[in-house]
C-alpha atoms as a PDB file:
ATOM      1  CA  UNK A   1       0.256  -0.056  -0.104  1.00  0.00           C
ATOM      2  CA  UNK A   2       0.828   3.498  -0.637  1.00  0.00           C
ATOM      3  CA  UNK A   3       0.251   6.904   1.133  1.00  0.00           C
ATOM      4  CA  UNK A   4      -0.205   9.493  -1.360  1.00  0.00           C
ATOM      5  CA  UNK A   5      -0.026  13.206  -0.013  1.00  0.00           C
ATOM      6  CA  UNK A   6      -0.920  16.254  -1.644  1.00  0.00           C
ATOM      7  CA  UNK A   7      -0.695  20.006  -1.227  1.00  0.00           C
ATOM      8  CA  UNK A   8      -2.668  22.097  -3.893  1.00  0.00           C
ATOM      9  CA  UNK A   9      -4.570  25.201  -4.380  1.00  0.00           C
ATOM     10  CA  UNK A  10      -8.156  24.923  -2.818  1.00  0.00           C
ATOM     11  CA  UNK A  11      -9.575  26.215  -6.033  1.00  0.00           C
ATOM     12  CA  UNK A  12      -8.212  22.931  -7.807  1.00  0.00           C
ATOM     13  CA  UNK A  13      -9.930  20.776  -5.345  1.00  0.00           C
ATOM     14  CA  UNK A  14     -13.545  20.375  -6.884  1.00  0.00           C
ATOM     15  CA  UNK A  15     -12.584  19.279 -10.282  1.00  0.00           C
ATOM     16  CA  UNK A  16      -9.815  17.187  -8.699  1.00  0.00           C
ATOM     17  CA  UNK A  17     -12.201  15.267  -6.352  1.00  0.00           C
ATOM     18  CA  UNK A  18     -14.740  14.608  -9.342  1.00  0.00           C
ATOM     19  CA  UNK A  19     -11.912  13.076 -11.290  1.00  0.00           C
ATOM     20  CA  UNK A  20     -10.709  10.856  -8.391  1.00  0.00           C
ATOM     21  CA  UNK A  21     -14.014   9.727  -7.625  1.00  0.00           C
ATOM     22  CA  UNK A  22     -14.572   8.780 -11.333  1.00  0.00           C
ATOM     23  CA  UNK A  23     -11.138   6.331 -11.004  1.00  0.00           C
ATOM     24  CA  UNK A  24     -12.521   2.552 -10.823  1.00  0.00           C
ATOM     25  CA  UNK A  25     -11.658   1.416  -7.274  1.00  0.00           C
ATOM     26  CA  UNK A  26     -10.615   4.639  -5.831  1.00  0.00           C
ATOM     27  CA  UNK A  27     -10.526   4.281  -2.022  1.00  0.00           C
ATOM     28  CA  UNK A  28     -11.316   7.962  -0.836  1.00  0.00           C
ATOM     29  CA  UNK A  29      -9.465  10.636   0.519  1.00  0.00           C
ATOM     30  CA  UNK A  30      -9.021  13.094   3.516  1.00  0.00           C
ATOM     31  CA  UNK A  31      -8.895  16.682   2.813  1.00  0.00           C
ATOM     32  CA  UNK A  32      -7.584  19.141   5.136  1.00  0.00           C
ATOM     33  CA  UNK A  33      -7.204  23.078   5.075  1.00  0.00           C
ATOM     34  CA  UNK A  34      -3.767  24.100   5.773  1.00  0.00           C
ATOM     35  CA  UNK A  35      -1.412  27.164   5.326  1.00  0.00           C
ATOM     36  CA  UNK A  36       2.062  27.673   4.573  1.00  0.00           C
ATOM     37  CA  UNK A  37       4.655  28.820   2.315  1.00  0.00           C
ATOM     38  CA  UNK A  38       7.744  27.560  -0.234  1.00  0.00           C
ATOM     39  CA  UNK A  39      11.185  28.442  -0.902  1.00  0.00           C
ATOM     40  CA  UNK A  40       9.862  31.070  -3.428  1.00  0.00           C
ATOM     41  CA  UNK A  41       8.342  32.978  -0.434  1.00  0.00           C
ATOM     42  CA  UNK A  42      11.101  35.871   1.052  1.00  0.00           C
ATOM     43  CA  UNK A  43      11.370  36.269   4.550  1.00  0.00           C
ATOM     44  CA  UNK A  44       8.545  38.751   5.831  1.00  0.00           C
ATOM     45  CA  UNK A  45       9.590  42.201   7.039  1.00  0.00           C
ATOM     46  CA  UNK A  46       6.786  43.994   9.310  1.00  0.00           C
ATOM     47  CA  UNK A  47       7.104  42.212  12.643  1.00  0.00           C
ATOM     48  CA  UNK A  48       5.263  39.402  14.138  1.00  0.00           C
ATOM     49  CA  UNK A  49       1.989  40.413  12.790  1.00  0.00           C
ATOM     50  CA  UNK A  50       3.195  40.103   9.264  1.00  0.00           C
ATOM     51  CA  UNK A  51       5.110  37.063  10.110  1.00  0.00           C
ATOM     52  CA  UNK A  52       1.920  35.408  11.376  1.00  0.00           C
ATOM     53  CA  UNK A  53      -0.231  36.355   8.171  1.00  0.00           C
ATOM     54  CA  UNK A  54       2.530  35.702   5.587  1.00  0.00           C
ATOM     55  CA  UNK A  55       0.913  32.125   4.545  1.00  0.00           C
ATOM     56  CA  UNK A  56      -0.772  30.898   1.513  1.00  0.00           C
ATOM     57  CA  UNK A  57      -4.152  28.939   2.163  1.00  0.00           C
ATOM     58  CA  UNK A  58      -4.019  25.410   0.598  1.00  0.00           C
ATOM     59  CA  UNK A  59      -5.564  21.942   0.630  1.00  0.00           C
ATOM     60  CA  UNK A  60      -3.957  18.828   1.760  1.00  0.00           C
ATOM     61  CA  UNK A  61      -5.205  15.531   0.647  1.00  0.00           C
ATOM     62  CA  UNK A  62      -4.422  12.302   1.984  1.00  0.00           C
ATOM     63  CA  UNK A  63      -4.970   8.873   0.277  1.00  0.00           C
ATOM     64  CA  UNK A  64      -3.996   5.315   1.200  1.00  0.00           C
ATOM     65  CA  UNK A  65      -4.285   3.188  -1.806  1.00  0.00           C
ATOM     66  CA  UNK A  66      -3.137  -0.062  -3.371  1.00  0.00           C
ATOM     67  CA  UNK A  67       0.285  -0.262  -4.923  1.00  0.00           C
ATOM     68  CA  UNK A  68      -1.056  -0.469  -8.462  1.00  0.00           C
ATOM     69  CA  UNK A  69      -3.116   2.714  -7.885  1.00  0.00           C
ATOM     70  CA  UNK A  70      -0.616   5.117  -6.738  1.00  0.00           C
ATOM     71  CA  UNK A  71       0.845   6.414 -10.067  1.00  0.00           C
ATOM     72  CA  UNK A  72      -2.639   6.899 -11.795  1.00  0.00           C
ATOM     73  CA  UNK A  73      -3.831   8.848  -8.581  1.00  0.00           C
ATOM     74  CA  UNK A  74      -0.352  10.806  -8.790  1.00  0.00           C
ATOM     75  CA  UNK A  75      -1.109  11.784 -12.465  1.00  0.00           C
ATOM     76  CA  UNK A  76      -4.526  12.574 -11.781  1.00  0.00           C
ATOM     77  CA  UNK A  77      -3.807  15.001  -8.943  1.00  0.00           C
ATOM     78  CA  UNK A  78      -0.919  16.458 -11.096  1.00  0.00           C
ATOM     79  CA  UNK A  79      -2.955  16.905 -14.049  1.00  0.00           C
ATOM     80  CA  UNK A  80      -5.893  18.526 -11.994  1.00  0.00           C
ATOM     81  CA  UNK A  81      -4.062  20.738 -10.036  1.00  0.00           C
ATOM     82  CA  UNK A  82      -1.355  22.097 -12.225  1.00  0.00           C
ATOM     83  CA  UNK A  83      -1.586  25.851 -13.176  1.00  0.00           C
ATOM     84  CA  UNK A  84       1.496  26.332 -14.547  1.00  0.00           C
ATOM     85  CA  UNK A  85       2.621  29.068 -11.939  1.00  0.00           C
ATOM     86  CA  UNK A  86       4.706  28.902  -8.861  1.00  0.00           C
ATOM     87  CA  UNK A  87       2.696  27.471  -5.810  1.00  0.00           C
ATOM     88  CA  UNK A  88       0.905  24.749  -7.557  1.00  0.00           C
ATOM     89  CA  UNK A  89       1.700  22.469  -5.014  1.00  0.00           C
ATOM     90  CA  UNK A  90       3.415  19.215  -4.013  1.00  0.00           C
ATOM     91  CA  UNK A  91       2.732  15.460  -4.168  1.00  0.00           C
ATOM     92  CA  UNK A  92       4.610  12.918  -2.476  1.00  0.00           C
ATOM     93  CA  UNK A  93       4.289   8.935  -1.915  1.00  0.00           C
ATOM     94  CA  UNK A  94       5.150   7.102   0.973  1.00  0.00           C
ATOM     95  CA  UNK A  95       4.922   3.074   1.772  1.00  0.00           C
ATOM     96  CA  UNK A  96       2.467   2.038   4.123  1.00  0.00           C
ATOM     97  CA  UNK A  97       3.198  -1.106   5.856  1.00  0.00           C
ATOM     98  CA  UNK A  98       0.052  -1.316   7.738  1.00  0.00           C
ATOM     99  CA  UNK A  99      -3.193   0.049   7.973  1.00  0.00           C
ATOM    100  CA  UNK A 100      -6.394  -1.169   9.811  1.00  0.00           C
ATOM    101  CA  UNK A 101     -10.039  -0.070   9.564  1.00  0.00           C
ATOM    102  CA  UNK A 102     -11.114   1.084  13.124  1.00  0.00           C
ATOM    103  CA  UNK A 103     -14.616  -0.476  12.560  1.00  0.00           C
ATOM    104  CA  UNK A 104     -13.069  -3.909  11.767  1.00  0.00           C
ATOM    105  CA  UNK A 105     -13.002  -6.635  14.254  1.00  0.00           C
ATOM    106  CA  UNK A 106      -9.255  -7.631  14.497  1.00  0.00           C
ATOM    107  CA  UNK A 107      -8.265 -11.215  15.498  1.00  0.00           C
END
């Protein structure tokens, strides 16, 4: 299994969600609102208030998927999240060694 995480622009989420839902066997996702900045952002000047407000709103997507679905999901995310501008986001994939549904009986 793989964990696919992505940070994207909020405006790109609706079309991406529809595209992912249309994939056969898509396992679902978790979406969170996040804030941050990338390396293209300079250091902020203007004191603590400016420093605390110098973040860009983004959306974080988390998906646990079978190995064979990881690349198609990544391709879908990149294809639907790209605007061609700096700050479009980031997608990364990590190995998952174990995942258990909380509502299932174990043993």
